[in-house]
């Protein structure tokens, strides 16, 4: 990933966007793996009625997230887009 971010920076990219499947976090960039104690309803047809997922299931663990967040800051990533959560969430990182 760093090689691609470096390439974009060296080639004077106006904006750098990162796309991935799993969101890096839901609430804030330093959230602990056990911090998300909420649940989200499973999409219709996924299991019996009332099925739900722990929200922590949807994010990338902190140990893997922290070094990538540092790269995003180092290379001034404009935005990161992801799916997997099946809900709309917008969060910002510190600068």
Protein backbone atom coordinates (compact mmCIF):
# COMPACT_ATOMS: atom_id res chain seq x y z
CA UNK A 1 0.00 0.00 0.00
CA UNK A 2 2.76 2.44 0.86
CA UNK A 3 4.29 2.02 -2.59
CA UNK A 4 1.01 3.05 -4.22
CA UNK A 5 0.51 6.00 -1.86
CA UNK A 6 4.08 7.13 -2.49
CA UNK A 7 3.54 6.85 -6.24
CA UNK A 8 0.45 9.05 -6.03
CA UNK A 9 2.31 11.65 -3.97
CA UNK A 10 5.39 11.66 -6.20
CA UNK A 11 3.16 12.16 -9.22
CA UNK A 12 1.41 15.15 -7.63
CA UNK A 13 -2.02 13.58 -7.23
CA UNK A 14 -4.53 16.26 -6.31
CA UNK A 15 -6.49 13.80 -4.18
CA UNK A 16 -5.74 10.30 -2.95
CA UNK A 17 -8.69 7.99 -2.43
CA UNK A 18 -8.44 4.53 -0.90
CA UNK A 19 -11.09 1.89 -1.55
CA UNK A 20 -11.52 -1.30 0.41
CA UNK A 21 -14.09 -3.74 1.63
CA UNK A 22 -13.83 -3.53 5.43
CA UNK A 23 -14.08 -0.11 7.10
CA UNK A 24 -10.97 0.77 9.09
CA UNK A 25 -13.15 1.88 12.02
CA UNK A 26 -16.72 2.98 12.77
CA UNK A 27 -16.47 5.65 15.48
CA UNK A 28 -12.86 6.87 15.68
CA UNK A 29 -9.46 5.74 14.45
CA UNK A 30 -8.20 4.64 17.89
CA UNK A 31 -11.23 2.58 18.89
CA UNK A 32 -10.20 -0.59 20.71
CA UNK A 33 -11.24 -3.94 19.31
CA UNK A 34 -13.61 -4.48 22.24
CA UNK A 35 -14.93 -0.90 22.30
CA UNK A 36 -17.80 -1.49 19.89
CA UNK A 37 -20.44 -3.20 22.00
CA UNK A 38 -23.37 -2.32 19.76
CA UNK A 39 -25.10 -4.58 17.26
CA UNK A 40 -26.52 -4.09 13.78
CA UNK A 41 -29.44 -5.96 12.34
CA UNK A 42 -28.62 -8.53 9.70
CA UNK A 43 -29.91 -7.72 6.21
CA UNK A 44 -33.24 -9.28 5.35
CA UNK A 45 -32.85 -12.95 4.48
CA UNK A 46 -29.58 -13.40 6.39
CA UNK A 47 -30.55 -15.88 9.06
CA UNK A 48 -33.70 -16.09 11.13
CA UNK A 49 -35.67 -12.92 11.99
CA UNK A 50 -33.87 -10.89 14.63
CA UNK A 51 -30.40 -11.97 13.53
CA UNK A 52 -27.71 -9.41 14.26
CA UNK A 53 -23.96 -8.84 14.07
CA UNK A 54 -21.60 -7.33 16.61
CA UNK A 55 -20.45 -4.02 15.12
CA UNK A 56 -16.86 -4.94 15.96
CA UNK A 57 -17.15 -7.67 13.31
CA UNK A 58 -17.20 -4.99 10.62
CA UNK A 59 -13.89 -3.24 11.30
CA UNK A 60 -10.17 -3.90 10.97
CA UNK A 61 -8.40 -4.73 14.27
CA UNK A 62 -6.52 -1.85 15.92
CA UNK A 63 -3.08 -3.49 15.62
CA UNK A 64 -3.51 -3.68 11.84
CA UNK A 65 -5.28 -0.33 11.59
CA UNK A 66 -2.79 1.94 13.37
CA UNK A 67 0.14 1.60 10.93
CA UNK A 68 -2.19 2.13 7.98
CA UNK A 69 -3.72 5.25 9.56
CA UNK A 70 -0.16 6.60 9.89
CA UNK A 71 0.39 5.96 6.18
CA UNK A 72 -2.87 7.73 5.34
CA UNK A 73 -1.66 10.77 7.29
CA UNK A 74 1.87 10.62 5.90
CA UNK A 75 0.59 10.63 2.32
CA UNK A 76 -2.38 12.95 2.93
CA UNK A 77 -5.08 10.50 1.88
CA UNK A 78 -8.20 12.53 1.06
CA UNK A 79 -10.79 9.85 1.79
CA UNK A 80 -11.25 6.14 2.25
CA UNK A 81 -14.38 4.37 1.03
CA UNK A 82 -15.51 0.96 2.17
CA UNK A 83 -18.49 -1.33 2.33
CA UNK A 84 -19.13 -4.43 4.41
CA UNK A 85 -21.08 -2.55 7.12
CA UNK A 86 -24.19 -2.14 4.93
CA UNK A 87 -25.01 1.18 6.62
CA UNK A 88 -23.97 4.77 6.01
CA UNK A 89 -21.32 6.03 8.42
CA UNK A 90 -19.08 9.05 7.94
CA UNK A 91 -16.16 9.61 10.31
CA UNK A 92 -13.04 11.76 10.24
CA UNK A 93 -9.52 11.15 11.45
CA UNK A 94 -7.26 13.53 13.31
CA UNK A 95 -4.81 15.48 11.19
